[in-house]
C-alpha atoms as a PDB file:
ATOM      1  CA  MET A   1       0.343   0.227   0.279  1.00  0.00           C
ATOM      2  CA  THR A   2       1.396   3.464  -0.838  1.00  0.00           C
ATOM      3  CA  THR A   3       1.354   5.679   2.020  1.00  0.00           C
ATOM      4  CA  ARG A   4       2.446   9.462   1.200  1.00  0.00           C
ATOM      5  CA  GLU A   5       3.492  11.714   3.727  1.00  0.00           C
ATOM      6  CA  VAL A   6       3.844  15.655   2.876  1.00  0.00           C
ATOM      7  CA  GLU A   7       4.239  18.942   4.781  1.00  0.00           C
ATOM      8  CA  HIS A   8       3.388  22.483   4.168  1.00  0.00           C
ATOM      9  CA  GLU A   9       4.453  25.383   6.274  1.00  0.00           C
ATOM     10  CA  ILE A  10       4.393  29.149   6.666  1.00  0.00           C
ATOM     11  CA  THR A  11       5.153  32.234   9.209  1.00  0.00           C
ATOM     12  CA  ILE A  12       3.335  34.091  11.041  1.00  0.00           C
ATOM     13  CA  ASP A  13       3.808  37.117  12.361  1.00  0.00           C
ATOM     14  CA  ALA A  14       2.400  36.461  16.100  1.00  0.00           C
ATOM     15  CA  PRO A  15       3.560  34.242  19.285  1.00  0.00           C
ATOM     16  CA  ALA A  16       2.872  30.484  18.863  1.00  0.00           C
ATOM     17  CA  GLU A  17       0.742  30.509  21.924  1.00  0.00           C
ATOM     18  CA  THR A  18      -1.940  32.543  20.183  1.00  0.00           C
ATOM     19  CA  VAL A  19      -1.453  30.386  17.190  1.00  0.00           C
ATOM     20  CA  TYR A  20      -1.881  27.471  18.967  1.00  0.00           C
ATOM     21  CA  ARG A  21      -5.256  28.457  20.586  1.00  0.00           C
ATOM     22  CA  LEU A  22      -6.665  29.461  17.324  1.00  0.00           C
ATOM     23  CA  LEU A  23      -6.660  25.940  15.882  1.00  0.00           C
ATOM     24  CA  ALA A  24      -6.920  24.225  19.274  1.00  0.00           C
ATOM     25  CA  ASP A  25     -10.838  25.634  18.978  1.00  0.00           C
ATOM     26  CA  VAL A  26     -12.494  24.060  16.071  1.00  0.00           C
ATOM     27  CA  ASP A  27     -15.606  26.432  16.538  1.00  0.00           C
ATOM     28  CA  HIS A  28     -13.656  29.156  14.786  1.00  0.00           C
ATOM     29  CA  TRP A  29     -12.852  27.335  11.523  1.00  0.00           C
ATOM     30  CA  PRO A  30     -16.070  27.612   9.574  1.00  0.00           C
ATOM     31  CA  ARG A  31     -14.840  31.314   9.756  1.00  0.00           C
ATOM     32  CA  ILE A  32     -11.233  30.969   9.355  1.00  0.00           C
ATOM     33  CA  PHE A  33     -10.382  28.487   6.814  1.00  0.00           C
ATOM     34  CA  PRO A  34     -11.884  28.557   3.164  1.00  0.00           C
ATOM     35  CA  PRO A  35     -12.689  24.708   2.944  1.00  0.00           C
ATOM     36  CA  THR A  36     -14.551  24.526   6.092  1.00  0.00           C
ATOM     37  CA  ILE A  37     -18.382  24.187   5.650  1.00  0.00           C
ATOM     38  CA  HIS A  38     -19.122  23.275   9.717  1.00  0.00           C
ATOM     39  CA  VAL A  39     -17.489  21.323  12.373  1.00  0.00           C
ATOM     40  CA  GLU A  40     -19.260  19.688  15.143  1.00  0.00           C
ATOM     41  CA  GLN A  41     -17.557  18.291  18.514  1.00  0.00           C
ATOM     42  CA  GLU A  42     -18.928  14.750  19.054  1.00  0.00           C
ATOM     43  CA  GLN A  43     -16.871  13.985  22.103  1.00  0.00           C
ATOM     44  CA  THR A  44     -14.680  16.119  24.192  1.00  0.00           C
ATOM     45  CA  GLY A  45     -12.086  15.530  27.462  1.00  0.00           C
ATOM     46  CA  GLU A  46      -9.002  16.703  28.501  1.00  0.00           C
ATOM     47  CA  HIS A  47      -6.675  17.353  25.764  1.00  0.00           C
ATOM     48  CA  ARG A  48      -8.776  15.210  23.359  1.00  0.00           C
ATOM     49  CA  GLU A  49     -12.037  15.320  21.331  1.00  0.00           C
ATOM     50  CA  ARG A  50     -13.875  13.373  18.477  1.00  0.00           C
ATOM     51  CA  ILE A  51     -15.094  15.991  15.657  1.00  0.00           C
ATOM     52  CA  ARG A  52     -16.994  15.727  12.381  1.00  0.00           C
ATOM     53  CA  ILE A  53     -16.170  17.932   9.970  1.00  0.00           C
ATOM     54  CA  TRP A  54     -17.614  18.987   6.867  1.00  0.00           C
ATOM     55  CA  ALA A  55     -15.600  20.922   4.130  1.00  0.00           C
ATOM     56  CA  THR A  56     -14.873  21.453   0.799  1.00  0.00           C
ATOM     57  CA  ALA A  57     -12.361  18.954  -1.733  1.00  0.00           C
ATOM     58  CA  ASN A  58     -11.568  19.839  -5.049  1.00  0.00           C
ATOM     59  CA  GLY A  59     -14.659  21.735  -5.164  1.00  0.00           C
ATOM     60  CA  GLU A  60     -16.339  18.545  -4.036  1.00  0.00           C
ATOM     61  CA  PRO A  61     -18.605  19.015  -0.136  1.00  0.00           C
ATOM     62  CA  LYS A  62     -17.092  15.653   1.840  1.00  0.00           C
ATOM     63  CA  THR A  63     -17.361  14.754   5.307  1.00  0.00           C
ATOM     64  CA  TRP A  64     -15.046  13.006   7.502  1.00  0.00           C
ATOM     65  CA  THR A  65     -14.763  12.452  11.352  1.00  0.00           C
ATOM     66  CA  SER A  66     -11.515  12.660  13.104  1.00  0.00           C
ATOM     67  CA  ARG A  67     -10.134  12.034  16.367  1.00  0.00           C
ATOM     68  CA  ARG A  68      -7.719  15.097  17.666  1.00  0.00           C
ATOM     69  CA  THR A  69      -5.296  15.003  20.724  1.00  0.00           C
ATOM     70  CA  LEU A  70      -4.142  18.543  21.776  1.00  0.00           C
ATOM     71  CA  ASP A  71      -0.863  19.478  23.384  1.00  0.00           C
ATOM     72  CA  PRO A  72      -0.414  22.796  25.115  1.00  0.00           C
ATOM     73  CA  ALA A  73       3.037  21.932  26.108  1.00  0.00           C
ATOM     74  CA  THR A  74       4.504  21.188  22.848  1.00  0.00           C
ATOM     75  CA  LEU A  75       1.968  23.671  21.119  1.00  0.00           C
ATOM     76  CA  ARG A  76       1.094  20.598  19.255  1.00  0.00           C
ATOM     77  CA  ILE A  77      -2.485  18.825  17.386  1.00  0.00           C
ATOM     78  CA  VAL A  78      -2.461  15.162  15.975  1.00  0.00           C
ATOM     79  CA  PHE A  79      -5.171  14.317  14.389  1.00  0.00           C
ATOM     80  CA  ARG A  80      -6.674  11.081  12.939  1.00  0.00           C
ATOM     81  CA  GLN A  81      -9.665  10.124  10.780  1.00  0.00           C
ATOM     82  CA  GLU A  82     -11.830   7.506  12.340  1.00  0.00           C
ATOM     83  CA  VAL A  83     -14.624   7.566   9.578  1.00  0.00           C
ATOM     84  CA  THR A  84     -12.726   8.322   6.260  1.00  0.00           C
ATOM     85  CA  THR A  85     -14.560   9.115   2.615  1.00  0.00           C
ATOM     86  CA  PRO A  86     -13.703   8.098  -0.380  1.00  0.00           C
ATOM     87  CA  PRO A  87     -11.456   8.076  -2.014  1.00  0.00           C
ATOM     88  CA  VAL A  88      -9.558   8.154   1.305  1.00  0.00           C
ATOM     89  CA  ALA A  89      -8.459   4.969   2.708  1.00  0.00           C
ATOM     90  CA  ALA A  90      -6.186   6.769   5.895  1.00  0.00           C
ATOM     91  CA  MET A  91      -5.146  10.302   6.674  1.00  0.00           C
ATOM     92  CA  GLY A  92      -3.800  11.868   9.740  1.00  0.00           C
ATOM     93  CA  GLY A  93      -1.399  14.554  10.694  1.00  0.00           C
ATOM     94  CA  THR A  94       0.189  16.518  12.875  1.00  0.00           C
ATOM     95  CA  TRP A  95      -0.082  20.798  13.655  1.00  0.00           C
ATOM     96  CA  ILE A  96       2.849  21.587  14.765  1.00  0.00           C
ATOM     97  CA  ILE A  97       3.678  25.451  16.049  1.00  0.00           C
ATOM     98  CA  GLU A  98       7.092  26.512  16.652  1.00  0.00           C
ATOM     99  CA  PRO A  99       8.423  29.842  18.122  1.00  0.00           C
ATOM    100  CA  ARG A 100      10.554  32.115  16.307  1.00  0.00           C
ATOM    101  CA  GLY A 101      11.297  35.089  18.995  1.00  0.00           C
ATOM    102  CA  THR A 102       7.514  37.232  18.744  1.00  0.00           C
ATOM    103  CA  SER A 103       6.912  35.058  15.359  1.00  0.00           C
ATOM    104  CA  SER A 104       5.899  31.443  14.567  1.00  0.00           C
ATOM    105  CA  ARG A 105       6.537  28.778  12.389  1.00  0.00           C
ATOM    106  CA  VAL A 106       3.513  26.719  11.629  1.00  0.00           C
ATOM    107  CA  ARG A 107       4.294  23.174  10.048  1.00  0.00           C
ATOM    108  CA  LEU A 108       1.062  20.721   8.660  1.00  0.00           C
ATOM    109  CA  LEU A 109       2.038  17.766   8.411  1.00  0.00           C
ATOM    110  CA  HIS A 110      -0.043  14.614   6.810  1.00  0.00           C
ATOM    111  CA  ASP A 111       0.317  10.899   5.795  1.00  0.00           C
ATOM    112  CA  TYR A 112      -2.962   9.372   3.936  1.00  0.00           C
ATOM    113  CA  ARG A 113      -3.454   6.339   1.457  1.00  0.00           C
ATOM    114  CA  ALA A 114      -6.315   5.399  -1.439  1.00  0.00           C
ATOM    115  CA  ILE A 115      -8.892   3.170  -1.024  1.00  0.00           C
ATOM    116  CA  ASP A 116      -7.632  -0.030  -3.000  1.00  0.00           C
ATOM    117  CA  ASP A 117      -4.212   1.696  -3.707  1.00  0.00           C
ATOM    118  CA  ASP A 118      -5.854   3.528  -6.654  1.00  0.00           C
ATOM    119  CA  PRO A 119      -3.592   6.007  -8.607  1.00  0.00           C
ATOM    120  CA  GLN A 120      -6.252   8.441  -9.823  1.00  0.00           C
ATOM    121  CA  GLY A 121      -7.712   8.229  -5.774  1.00  0.00           C
ATOM    122  CA  LEU A 122      -4.219   8.882  -4.457  1.00  0.00           C
ATOM    123  CA  GLU A 123      -3.407  11.658  -7.038  1.00  0.00           C
ATOM    124  CA  TRP A 124      -7.410  13.173  -5.783  1.00  0.00           C
ATOM    125  CA  ILE A 125      -6.041  13.060  -2.255  1.00  0.00           C
ATOM    126  CA  ASP A 126      -2.670  14.799  -3.228  1.00  0.00           C
ATOM    127  CA  ARG A 127      -4.294  17.914  -5.207  1.00  0.00           C
ATOM    128  CA  ALA A 128      -7.377  18.097  -2.583  1.00  0.00           C
ATOM    129  CA  VAL A 129      -4.646  18.119   0.441  1.00  0.00           C
ATOM    130  CA  ASP A 130      -2.031  20.433  -1.050  1.00  0.00           C
ATOM    131  CA  THR A 131      -4.892  23.207  -2.206  1.00  0.00           C
ATOM    132  CA  ASN A 132      -6.158  22.602   1.498  1.00  0.00           C
ATOM    133  CA  SER A 133      -3.225  22.870   3.210  1.00  0.00           C
ATOM    134  CA  ARG A 134      -1.934  26.107   1.005  1.00  0.00           C
ATOM    135  CA  SER A 135      -5.825  27.960   1.625  1.00  0.00           C
ATOM    136  CA  GLU A 136      -5.665  26.730   5.380  1.00  0.00           C
ATOM    137  CA  LEU A 137      -1.839  28.069   6.363  1.00  0.00           C
ATOM    138  CA  ALA A 138      -2.379  31.648   4.224  1.00  0.00           C
ATOM    139  CA  ALA A 139      -6.297  32.396   5.966  1.00  0.00           C
ATOM    140  CA  LEU A 140      -4.720  31.244   9.267  1.00  0.00           C
ATOM    141  CA  LYS A 141      -1.671  33.852   8.628  1.00  0.00           C
ATOM    142  CA  GLU A 142      -4.463  37.143   7.464  1.00  0.00           C
ATOM    143  CA  ASN A 143      -6.469  36.259  10.270  1.00  0.00           C
ATOM    144  CA  VAL A 144      -4.280  35.533  13.219  1.00  0.00           C
ATOM    145  CA  GLU A 145      -2.037  38.750  12.116  1.00  0.00           C
ATOM    146  CA  SER A 146      -5.379  40.915  11.462  1.00  0.00           C
ATOM    147  CA  ALA A 147      -6.993  40.064  14.705  1.00  0.00           C
ATOM    148  CA  HIS A 148      -5.687  42.794  16.854  1.00  0.00           C
ATOM    149  CA  LEU A 149      -6.339  45.543  14.226  1.00  0.00           C
ATOM    150  CA  ALA A 150      -9.423  47.756  15.540  1.00  0.00           C
ATOM    151  CA  GLU A 151     -10.886  48.014  11.542  1.00  0.00           C
ATOM    152  CA  ALA A 152     -10.592  44.023  11.492  1.00  0.00           C
ATOM    153  CA  GLU A 153     -12.675  43.599  14.158  1.00  0.00           C
ATOM    154  CA  GLU A 154     -15.106  45.827  12.838  1.00  0.00           C
ATOM    155  CA  LEU A 155     -15.424  44.139   9.581  1.00  0.00           C
ATOM    156  CA  VAL A 156     -16.505  41.140  11.140  1.00  0.00           C
ATOM    157  CA  PHE A 157     -20.324  40.914  12.993  1.00  0.00           C
ATOM    158  CA  SER A 158     -23.142  38.630  13.821  1.00  0.00           C
ATOM    159  CA  PHE A 159     -26.877  38.941  14.844  1.00  0.00           C
ATOM    160  CA  THR A 160     -29.780  36.438  15.180  1.00  0.00           C
ATOM    161  CA  ASP A 161     -33.612  36.912  14.126  1.00  0.00           C
ATOM    162  CA  THR A 162     -35.915  34.808  15.912  1.00  0.00           C
ATOM    163  CA  LEU A 163     -39.930  34.254  15.541  1.00  0.00           C
ATOM    164  CA  GLU A 164     -42.201  32.154  17.584  1.00  0.00           C
ATOM    165  CA  VAL A 165     -44.239  29.838  15.870  1.00  0.00           C
ATOM    166  CA  ALA A 166     -47.542  28.127  16.908  1.00  0.00           C
ATOM    167  CA  GLY A 167     -46.710  24.956  15.115  1.00  0.00           C
ATOM    168  CA  ALA A 168     -44.518  21.677  15.136  1.00  0.00           C
ATOM    169  CA  VAL A 169     -40.556  21.907  15.399  1.00  0.00           C
ATOM    170  CA  LYS A 170     -40.792  19.319  12.436  1.00  0.00           C
ATOM    171  CA  ASP A 171     -42.664  21.174  10.815  1.00  0.00           C
ATOM    172  CA  VAL A 172     -40.767  24.913  10.410  1.00  0.00           C
ATOM    173  CA  TYR A 173     -37.893  22.730   9.880  1.00  0.00           C
ATOM    174  CA  ASP A 174     -39.210  20.849   6.879  1.00  0.00           C
ATOM    175  CA  PHE A 175     -39.889  24.324   5.314  1.00  0.00           C
ATOM    176  CA  VAL A 176     -36.294  25.440   5.780  1.00  0.00           C
ATOM    177  CA  ASN A 177     -34.895  22.201   4.523  1.00  0.00           C
ATOM    178  CA  GLU A 178     -36.693  21.715   1.537  1.00  0.00           C
ATOM    179  CA  ALA A 179     -34.872  24.545   0.292  1.00  0.00           C
ATOM    180  CA  ALA A 180     -35.556  23.253  -3.640  1.00  0.00           C
ATOM    181  CA  LEU A 181     -39.571  24.504  -3.157  1.00  0.00           C
ATOM    182  CA  TRP A 182     -38.466  27.901  -1.924  1.00  0.00           C
ATOM    183  CA  PRO A 183     -39.133  29.655  -5.733  1.00  0.00           C
ATOM    184  CA  GLU A 184     -42.674  29.034  -5.080  1.00  0.00           C
ATOM    185  CA  ARG A 185     -42.998  29.475  -1.298  1.00  0.00           C
ATOM    186  CA  LEU A 186     -40.621  32.335  -1.163  1.00  0.00           C
ATOM    187  CA  PRO A 187     -41.518  35.959  -3.270  1.00  0.00           C
ATOM    188  CA  HIS A 188     -37.899  36.842  -2.827  1.00  0.00           C
ATOM    189  CA  VAL A 189     -36.085  33.529  -4.442  1.00  0.00           C
ATOM    190  CA  ALA A 190     -36.351  33.820  -8.037  1.00  0.00           C
ATOM    191  CA  SER A 191     -34.576  30.124  -8.821  1.00  0.00           C
ATOM    192  CA  VAL A 192     -32.739  27.453  -6.844  1.00  0.00           C
ATOM    193  CA  HIS A 193     -30.514  24.351  -8.196  1.00  0.00           C
ATOM    194  CA  PHE A 194     -30.652  22.083  -4.913  1.00  0.00           C
ATOM    195  CA  ASP A 195     -28.683  19.112  -4.352  1.00  0.00           C
ATOM    196  CA  GLU A 196     -28.382  16.865  -1.626  1.00  0.00           C
ATOM    197  CA  PRO A 197     -25.222  14.728  -2.519  1.00  0.00           C
ATOM    198  CA  SER A 198     -25.105  12.379   0.468  1.00  0.00           C
ATOM    199  CA  PRO A 199     -27.501  12.728   3.480  1.00  0.00           C
ATOM    200  CA  GLY A 200     -27.356  15.660   5.268  1.00  0.00           C
ATOM    201  CA  LEU A 201     -24.979  17.449   3.055  1.00  0.00           C
ATOM    202  CA  GLN A 202     -26.472  19.617   0.836  1.00  0.00           C
ATOM    203  CA  THR A 203     -25.749  22.176  -2.336  1.00  0.00           C
ATOM    204  CA  LEU A 204     -28.101  25.308  -2.701  1.00  0.00           C
ATOM    205  CA  ALA A 205     -27.443  27.295  -5.392  1.00  0.00           C
ATOM    206  CA  MET A 206     -30.040  30.702  -5.963  1.00  0.00           C
ATOM    207  CA  ASP A 207     -31.160  33.624  -7.083  1.00  0.00           C
ATOM    208  CA  THR A 208     -33.101  36.497  -4.700  1.00  0.00           C
ATOM    209  CA  ARG A 209     -34.207  39.416  -5.001  1.00  0.00           C
ATOM    210  CA  ALA A 210     -33.564  42.176  -3.487  1.00  0.00           C
ATOM    211  CA  LYS A 211     -36.407  45.281  -2.641  1.00  0.00           C
ATOM    212  CA  ASP A 212     -34.420  47.336  -5.071  1.00  0.00           C
ATOM    213  CA  GLY A 213     -35.514  44.651  -8.044  1.00  0.00           C
ATOM    214  CA  SER A 214     -31.802  44.073  -8.080  1.00  0.00           C
ATOM    215  CA  VAL A 215     -31.254  39.923  -8.432  1.00  0.00           C
ATOM    216  CA  HIS A 216     -28.320  38.146  -6.145  1.00  0.00           C
ATOM    217  CA  THR A 217     -26.782  34.649  -6.979  1.00  0.00           C
ATOM    218  CA  THR A 218     -25.372  32.737  -4.151  1.00  0.00           C
ATOM    219  CA  LYS A 219     -24.374  29.234  -3.378  1.00  0.00           C
ATOM    220  CA  SER A 220     -24.171  27.585  -0.134  1.00  0.00           C
ATOM    221  CA  TYR A 221     -23.162  24.119   1.524  1.00  0.00           C
ATOM    222  CA  ARG A 222     -25.766  23.100   4.145  1.00  0.00           C
ATOM    223  CA  VAL A 223     -25.257  20.393   6.986  1.00  0.00           C
ATOM    224  CA  THR A 224     -28.712  19.722   8.458  1.00  0.00           C
ATOM    225  CA  PHE A 225     -29.456  18.134  11.681  1.00  0.00           C
ATOM    226  CA  PRO A 226     -33.008  17.327  11.488  1.00  0.00           C
ATOM    227  CA  PRO A 227     -35.082  18.453  13.126  1.00  0.00           C
ATOM    228  CA  TYR A 228     -33.367  21.150  15.043  1.00  0.00           C
ATOM    229  CA  LYS A 229     -30.847  22.775  13.107  1.00  0.00           C
ATOM    230  CA  ILE A 230     -29.237  23.658   9.421  1.00  0.00           C
ATOM    231  CA  ALA A 231     -25.933  25.274   9.557  1.00  0.00           C
ATOM    232  CA  TYR A 232     -24.687  26.992   6.233  1.00  0.00           C
ATOM    233  CA  LYS A 233     -21.281  28.357   4.430  1.00  0.00           C
ATOM    234  CA  GLN A 234     -21.980  30.865   1.486  1.00  0.00           C
ATOM    235  CA  VAL A 235     -19.274  30.011  -0.947  1.00  0.00           C
ATOM    236  CA  THR A 236     -20.272  32.417  -3.440  1.00  0.00           C
ATOM    237  CA  LEU A 237     -20.947  35.572  -1.999  1.00  0.00           C
ATOM    238  CA  PRO A 238     -22.790  39.101  -2.771  1.00  0.00           C
ATOM    239  CA  ALA A 239     -20.045  41.998  -3.373  1.00  0.00           C
ATOM    240  CA  LEU A 240     -19.909  43.232   0.571  1.00  0.00           C
ATOM    241  CA  MET A 241     -19.163  40.229   2.003  1.00  0.00           C
ATOM    242  CA  THR A 242     -15.849  38.157   2.108  1.00  0.00           C
ATOM    243  CA  LEU A 243     -17.907  35.878   4.447  1.00  0.00           C
ATOM    244  CA  HIS A 244     -20.847  34.594   5.457  1.00  0.00           C
ATOM    245  CA  THR A 245     -22.295  31.632   7.387  1.00  0.00           C
ATOM    246  CA  GLY A 246     -25.478  30.732   9.749  1.00  0.00           C
ATOM    247  CA  VAL A 247     -27.603  28.793  11.590  1.00  0.00           C
ATOM    248  CA  TRP A 248     -31.076  27.958  11.158  1.00  0.00           C
ATOM    249  CA  THR A 249     -32.516  26.608  14.987  1.00  0.00           C
ATOM    250  CA  PHE A 250     -35.594  25.286  15.702  1.00  0.00           C
ATOM    251  CA  THR A 251     -36.469  24.674  19.479  1.00  0.00           C
ATOM    252  CA  ASP A 252     -39.168  23.183  20.949  1.00  0.00           C
ATOM    253  CA  THR A 253     -40.607  25.922  23.400  1.00  0.00           C
ATOM    254  CA  GLY A 254     -42.573  23.651  25.640  1.00  0.00           C
ATOM    255  CA  ARG A 255     -45.400  25.975  25.662  1.00  0.00           C
ATOM    256  CA  GLY A 256     -46.771  24.082  22.397  1.00  0.00           C
ATOM    257  CA  THR A 257     -44.563  26.509  19.537  1.00  0.00           C
ATOM    258  CA  THR A 258     -41.720  26.458  18.201  1.00  0.00           C
ATOM    259  CA  GLU A 259     -38.678  29.281  18.406  1.00  0.00           C
ATOM    260  CA  ALA A 260     -37.264  29.581  14.764  1.00  0.00           C
ATOM    261  CA  GLY A 261     -33.848  31.585  14.733  1.00  0.00           C
ATOM    262  CA  SER A 262     -31.393  32.452  11.524  1.00  0.00           C
ATOM    263  CA  GLN A 263     -27.924  33.543  13.126  1.00  0.00           C
ATOM    264  CA  HIS A 264     -25.463  35.312  10.352  1.00  0.00           C
ATOM    265  CA  THR A 265     -22.071  35.862  11.067  1.00  0.00           C
ATOM    266  CA  VAL A 266     -20.713  37.969   8.517  1.00  0.00           C
ATOM    267  CA  SER A 267     -17.387  39.985   7.250  1.00  0.00           C
ATOM    268  CA  ILE A 268     -17.830  43.310   5.108  1.00  0.00           C
ATOM    269  CA  ASN A 269     -15.857  43.117   1.437  1.00  0.00           C
ATOM    270  CA  THR A 270     -14.275  46.943   2.110  1.00  0.00           C
ATOM    271  CA  ALA A 271     -12.955  46.798  -1.312  1.00  0.00           C
ATOM    272  CA  ASN A 272     -16.750  47.218  -2.925  1.00  0.00           C
ATOM    273  CA  ILE A 273     -17.687  49.534  -0.422  1.00  0.00           C
ATOM    274  CA  ALA A 274     -17.694  52.390  -2.777  1.00  0.00           C
ATOM    275  CA  ARG A 275     -18.996  50.645  -5.899  1.00  0.00           C
ATOM    276  CA  ILE A 276     -22.004  49.512  -4.026  1.00  0.00           C
ATOM    277  CA  LEU A 277     -22.956  52.421  -1.670  1.00  0.00           C
ATOM    278  CA  GLY A 278     -21.056  55.281  -3.480  1.00  0.00           C
ATOM    279  CA  ASP A 279     -17.528  57.227  -2.841  1.00  0.00           C
ATOM    280  CA  ARG A 280     -18.844  58.260   0.880  1.00  0.00           C
ATOM    281  CA  ALA A 281     -19.923  55.154   2.359  1.00  0.00           C
ATOM    282  CA  THR A 282     -18.132  53.748   5.258  1.00  0.00           C
ATOM    283  CA  VAL A 283     -18.072  50.355   7.023  1.00  0.00           C
ATOM    284  CA  ALA A 284     -20.788  50.617   9.700  1.00  0.00           C
ATOM    285  CA  ASP A 285     -22.754  51.777   6.425  1.00  0.00           C
ATOM    286  CA  ALA A 286     -22.122  48.770   4.657  1.00  0.00           C
ATOM    287  CA  ARG A 287     -22.811  46.492   8.184  1.00  0.00           C
ATOM    288  CA  ASP A 288     -26.048  48.337   7.934  1.00  0.00           C
ATOM    289  CA  TYR A 289     -26.582  47.635   4.245  1.00  0.00           C
ATOM    290  CA  VAL A 290     -25.660  43.813   4.556  1.00  0.00           C
ATOM    291  CA  HIS A 291     -27.471  43.200   8.372  1.00  0.00           C
ATOM    292  CA  ALA A 292     -31.126  44.842   6.617  1.00  0.00           C
ATOM    293  CA  ALA A 293     -30.961  42.895   3.343  1.00  0.00           C
ATOM    294  CA  LEU A 294     -30.255  39.558   5.377  1.00  0.00           C
ATOM    295  CA  SER A 295     -32.805  40.175   8.054  1.00  0.00           C
ATOM    296  CA  THR A 296     -35.028  41.309   5.514  1.00  0.00           C
ATOM    297  CA  ASN A 297     -34.454  37.811   3.551  1.00  0.00           C
ATOM    298  CA  SER A 298     -34.400  35.780   7.133  1.00  0.00           C
ATOM    299  CA  ARG A 299     -37.604  37.223   8.515  1.00  0.00           C
ATOM    300  CA  ALA A 300     -39.688  36.597   5.030  1.00  0.00           C
ATOM    301  CA  THR A 301     -38.431  32.650   5.055  1.00  0.00           C
ATOM    302  CA  LEU A 302     -39.101  32.979   8.881  1.00  0.00           C
ATOM    303  CA  GLY A 303     -42.649  34.392   8.644  1.00  0.00           C
ATOM    304  CA  HIS A 304     -43.662  32.051   5.262  1.00  0.00           C
ATOM    305  CA  ALA A 305     -42.276  29.388   7.201  1.00  0.00           C
ATOM    306  CA  ARG A 306     -44.309  29.995  10.608  1.00  0.00           C
ATOM    307  CA  ASP A 307     -47.392  29.927   7.843  1.00  0.00           C
ATOM    308  CA  TYR A 308     -46.589  26.926   6.392  1.00  0.00           C
ATOM    309  CA  ALA A 309     -46.528  25.222  10.149  1.00  0.00           C
ATOM    310  CA  GLU A 310     -49.472  26.841  11.505  1.00  0.00           C
ATOM    311  CA  ARG A 311     -51.406  25.968   8.356  1.00  0.00           C
ATOM    312  CA  LYS A 312     -50.494  22.374   9.259  1.00  0.00           C
ATOM    313  CA  ASN A 313     -51.024  22.436  12.960  1.00  0.00           C
END
């Protein structure tokens, strides 16, 4: 069997402990790493955890489960896939953060095998590991080095819209989950291309109409946890955003109603503010604009989901 071993590295202008903390906390990964769609911690213990990751590899959404061993003393994180996805037969590696004065050298090691030792499968993994490793290290460097800047803090923000529904959790969930039907159910959705390549992992591309009549094309990957949660990450974004992740939640209140929520985390694309909003527009203006646009669509979707669930109740 052919086992490939590869290494990627980058130098980051930040203390090693700071870099380690960011890598250790997988909750940040969908925001930091372009390939990462969503991460769930399935099991945690002292310096050990079992995580399930949904991410893109060579442009395809994939999911796998890994065990990680965290060693803050040596600034190392060892990972090994416990549940793989084709064409991967085995995959593991180590994050190694080495102090270099006030900077850090970050090394990312991988070892892997392809199912049935297939040469084409191995070549596919080669490309995926190389592309994702380079992307992740570059994004890690950018995020860590800009973390102390006041402007960077202003660019990223989160908010949540909620609505109480006199209906069952499952019915509200079903409305949001059945995105293929949104063009006939939601006035602001012009068209949808929907696919579910594996159970619970969805691709959703759609054209939506803004209040000014303009049409925006977006593409998202969604991960479903029926009937309580749908997490997503947009990979084709409107011009004013460099990042958009979100979570739809559906909670039984215990009062015979469902609390439906739509949470968003966004990063503003400063390069396009003047083109979209005018030369005098500020980051605050862009935040307000994006917040209003996303909230309008979220509240519209939640409102129609409420009507759907209450009719079924």
